[in-house]
Amino acid sequence: MSTINEYLHHQVDLISNGVRTGTAVVAAGVATGTVVYFLSILVGSWN
């Protein structure tokens, strides 16, 4: 019984770590996209 509980706890840890990583990746992607978007507007306004 203890091995099953340990396995489940391990899976929960992996999932929560994966969610955190995914959220960080998405946030970084959105931030990068926003910066690129504003830079393109600035460059466009110069021309």
Protein backbone atom coordinates (compact mmCIF):
# COMPACT_ATOMS: atom_id res chain seq x y z
CA MET A 1 0.00 0.00 0.00
CA SER A 2 2.82 2.40 0.84
CA THR A 3 4.47 1.86 -2.55
CA ILE A 4 1.23 2.84 -4.33
CA ASN A 5 0.95 5.99 -2.21
CA GLU A 6 4.58 6.87 -2.92
CA TYR A 7 3.99 6.32 -6.63
CA LEU A 8 0.91 8.56 -6.60
CA HIS A 9 2.74 11.29 -4.68
CA HIS A 10 5.57 11.08 -7.20
CA GLN A 11 3.12 11.42 -10.11
CA VAL A 12 1.47 14.45 -8.47
CA ASP A 13 4.90 16.05 -8.02
CA LEU A 14 5.77 15.42 -11.67
CA ILE A 15 2.43 16.84 -12.86
CA SER A 16 2.67 19.97 -10.68
CA ASN A 17 6.27 20.52 -11.82
CA GLY A 18 5.16 20.08 -15.43
CA VAL A 19 2.33 22.58 -14.98
CA ARG A 20 4.73 25.08 -13.42
CA THR A 21 7.21 24.61 -16.25
CA GLY A 22 4.47 24.91 -18.87
CA THR A 23 3.14 28.08 -17.27
CA ALA A 24 6.63 29.59 -17.18
CA VAL A 25 7.20 28.69 -20.85
CA VAL A 26 3.85 30.20 -21.88
CA ALA A 27 4.51 33.36 -19.84
CA ALA A 28 7.96 33.73 -21.41
CA GLY A 29 6.48 33.20 -24.87
CA VAL A 30 3.78 35.82 -24.30
CA ALA A 31 6.33 38.29 -22.92
CA THR A 32 8.65 37.74 -25.88
CA GLY A 33 5.77 38.04 -28.33
CA THR A 34 4.62 41.28 -26.72
CA VAL A 35 8.12 42.78 -26.87
CA VAL A 36 8.55 41.76 -30.51
CA TYR A 37 5.10 43.17 -31.32
CA PHE A 38 5.87 46.56 -29.76
CA LEU A 39 9.32 46.65 -31.36
CA SER A 40 7.76 46.02 -34.78
CA ILE A 41 5.30 48.88 -34.16
CA LEU A 42 8.17 51.20 -33.18
CA VAL A 43 10.23 50.22 -36.21
CA GLY A 44 7.16 50.62 -38.42
CA SER A 45 6.51 54.12 -37.08
CA TRP A 46 10.10 55.15 -37.88
CA ASN A 47 9.73 54.24 -41.55
